[in-house]
Protein backbone atom coordinates (compact mmCIF):
# COMPACT_ATOMS: atom_id res chain seq x y z
CA MET A 1 117.96 92.01 65.66
CA ARG A 2 120.22 89.98 67.31
CA GLY A 3 120.02 86.73 66.31
CA ILE A 4 120.62 83.41 69.06
CA ASP A 5 120.14 79.68 67.75
CA GLY A 6 121.63 76.01 69.14
CA GLU A 7 122.53 75.87 72.60
CA GLN A 8 122.07 79.08 74.76
CA VAL A 9 120.92 79.20 78.36
CA LEU A 10 117.33 80.36 79.71
CA LEU A 11 117.08 81.85 82.60
CA ARG A 12 113.87 81.79 84.41
CA LEU A 13 112.99 83.85 87.60
CA ILE A 14 109.75 83.53 89.55
CA LEU A 15 108.37 85.55 91.96
CA SER A 16 105.47 87.14 93.56
CA GLU A 17 103.22 89.51 91.76
CA SER A 18 103.03 91.57 94.85
CA ARG A 19 106.84 92.83 95.13
CA ARG A 20 107.62 95.62 94.10
CA PHE A 21 110.28 98.41 93.09
CA ASP A 22 110.00 102.05 93.38
CA HIS A 23 105.99 101.54 93.79
CA LYS A 24 105.78 99.53 90.40
CA ALA A 25 105.83 96.15 89.88
CA MET A 26 108.92 94.00 90.76
CA PHE A 27 108.40 91.89 86.73
CA MET A 28 108.51 95.20 84.87
CA ARG A 29 111.48 96.31 86.43
CA ILE A 30 113.26 93.05 85.66
CA VAL A 31 112.17 93.25 82.36
CA GLN A 32 113.46 96.82 82.15
CA VAL A 33 116.41 95.42 82.90
CA LEU A 34 117.13 92.61 80.69
CA ARG A 35 116.17 95.69 78.01
CA GLU A 36 118.68 97.87 78.64
CA GLU A 37 121.46 95.00 79.28
CA GLY A 38 120.59 94.13 75.27
CA MET A 39 118.88 90.81 76.28
CA ALA A 40 117.71 88.85 72.82
CA GLY A 41 114.46 88.65 74.95
CA ALA A 42 112.33 88.33 77.69
CA THR A 43 109.00 86.68 78.56
CA ALA A 44 107.00 87.93 81.77
CA VAL A 45 103.99 85.09 82.90
CA LYS A 46 101.27 85.45 85.41
CA GLY A 47 100.24 82.16 87.24
CA ILE A 48 96.47 81.17 88.24
CA ALA A 49 98.06 79.23 91.67
CA GLY A 50 101.42 78.30 93.13
CA PHE A 51 102.77 77.99 96.20
CA GLY A 52 106.18 78.65 97.52
CA HIS A 53 108.88 78.02 101.05
CA ASP A 54 105.39 79.61 103.44
CA ARG A 55 103.75 76.83 101.76
CA HIS A 56 100.66 79.12 101.47
CA VAL A 57 98.60 78.56 98.56
CA HIS A 58 98.42 81.36 96.25
CA THR A 59 95.04 81.47 93.64
CA ASP A 60 93.25 83.28 91.50
CA THR A 61 90.45 81.42 92.69
CA ILE A 62 89.77 82.63 95.78
CA GLU A 63 89.55 86.94 95.57
CA VAL A 64 90.72 86.95 99.12
CA LEU A 65 93.84 84.99 98.32
CA ALA A 66 94.57 86.42 94.65
CA GLN A 67 97.67 88.56 95.97
CA GLY A 68 100.70 87.16 95.70
CA LEU A 69 99.98 85.10 92.76
CA PRO A 70 102.99 83.81 91.04
CA ILE A 71 105.07 85.42 88.04
CA VAL A 72 107.86 83.98 86.21
CA VAL A 73 110.40 86.14 83.82
CA GLU A 74 112.42 84.15 81.38
CA VAL A 75 115.11 85.12 78.90
CA VAL A 76 117.22 82.56 76.46
CA ASP A 77 120.11 83.59 75.62
CA THR A 78 123.74 83.05 75.42
CA GLN A 79 125.87 82.30 78.66
CA ALA A 80 128.12 85.15 78.59
CA HIS A 81 124.88 87.35 78.11
CA ILE A 82 123.09 85.81 81.10
CA ASP A 83 126.45 85.56 82.66
CA ARG A 84 126.76 89.49 82.61
CA VAL A 85 123.11 90.28 83.64
CA LEU A 86 122.50 87.86 86.55
CA PRO A 87 124.14 89.83 88.92
CA LYS A 88 122.14 92.98 88.49
CA LEU A 89 118.90 90.73 88.89
CA GLU A 90 120.39 88.89 92.01
CA ALA A 91 120.27 92.11 93.88
CA LEU A 92 117.17 92.89 92.75
CA MET A 93 115.89 90.01 94.25
CA GLU A 94 115.23 89.63 97.72
CA GLY A 95 113.63 85.93 97.70
CA GLY A 96 111.43 83.89 95.16
CA VAL A 97 113.65 81.36 92.90
CA MET A 98 116.20 81.95 90.20
CA THR A 99 116.79 78.98 88.18
CA ILE A 100 119.94 77.81 85.14
CA GLU A 101 119.05 75.18 82.19
CA ARG A 102 120.08 74.72 79.17
CA ALA A 103 118.32 75.19 75.87
CA HIS A 104 118.27 73.99 72.07
CA VAL A 105 116.80 77.40 69.90
CA ILE A 106 115.12 75.94 67.00
CA ARG A 107 113.85 79.05 65.47
CA TYR A 108 114.69 82.93 67.22
CA THR A 109 112.34 85.16 64.26
CA LYS A 110 110.16 88.24 64.61
CA SER A 111 106.93 87.34 65.38
């Protein structure tokens, strides 16, 4: 396990759970790419409600609108690792949101 601590970079990707890549969930393809590229780790979280540029609210409380709920994929790593994987992720993302911000890693250990 490669260690990371101190000042790092948080890359956050927000996309619709309905997005697909080769008939599989796009967020799983993103997580797979991050793993293949040797990133320190990644987490995908499903949102219970959200809206985007189209202004339509997607929520899990209305069954007919439950499609397209937001998925957030986050990865914290060094600037160099993020910069290296970013072009591959940008090629996969045909919409959604990608952000980068500073992150101060306090603890990165085996859970």
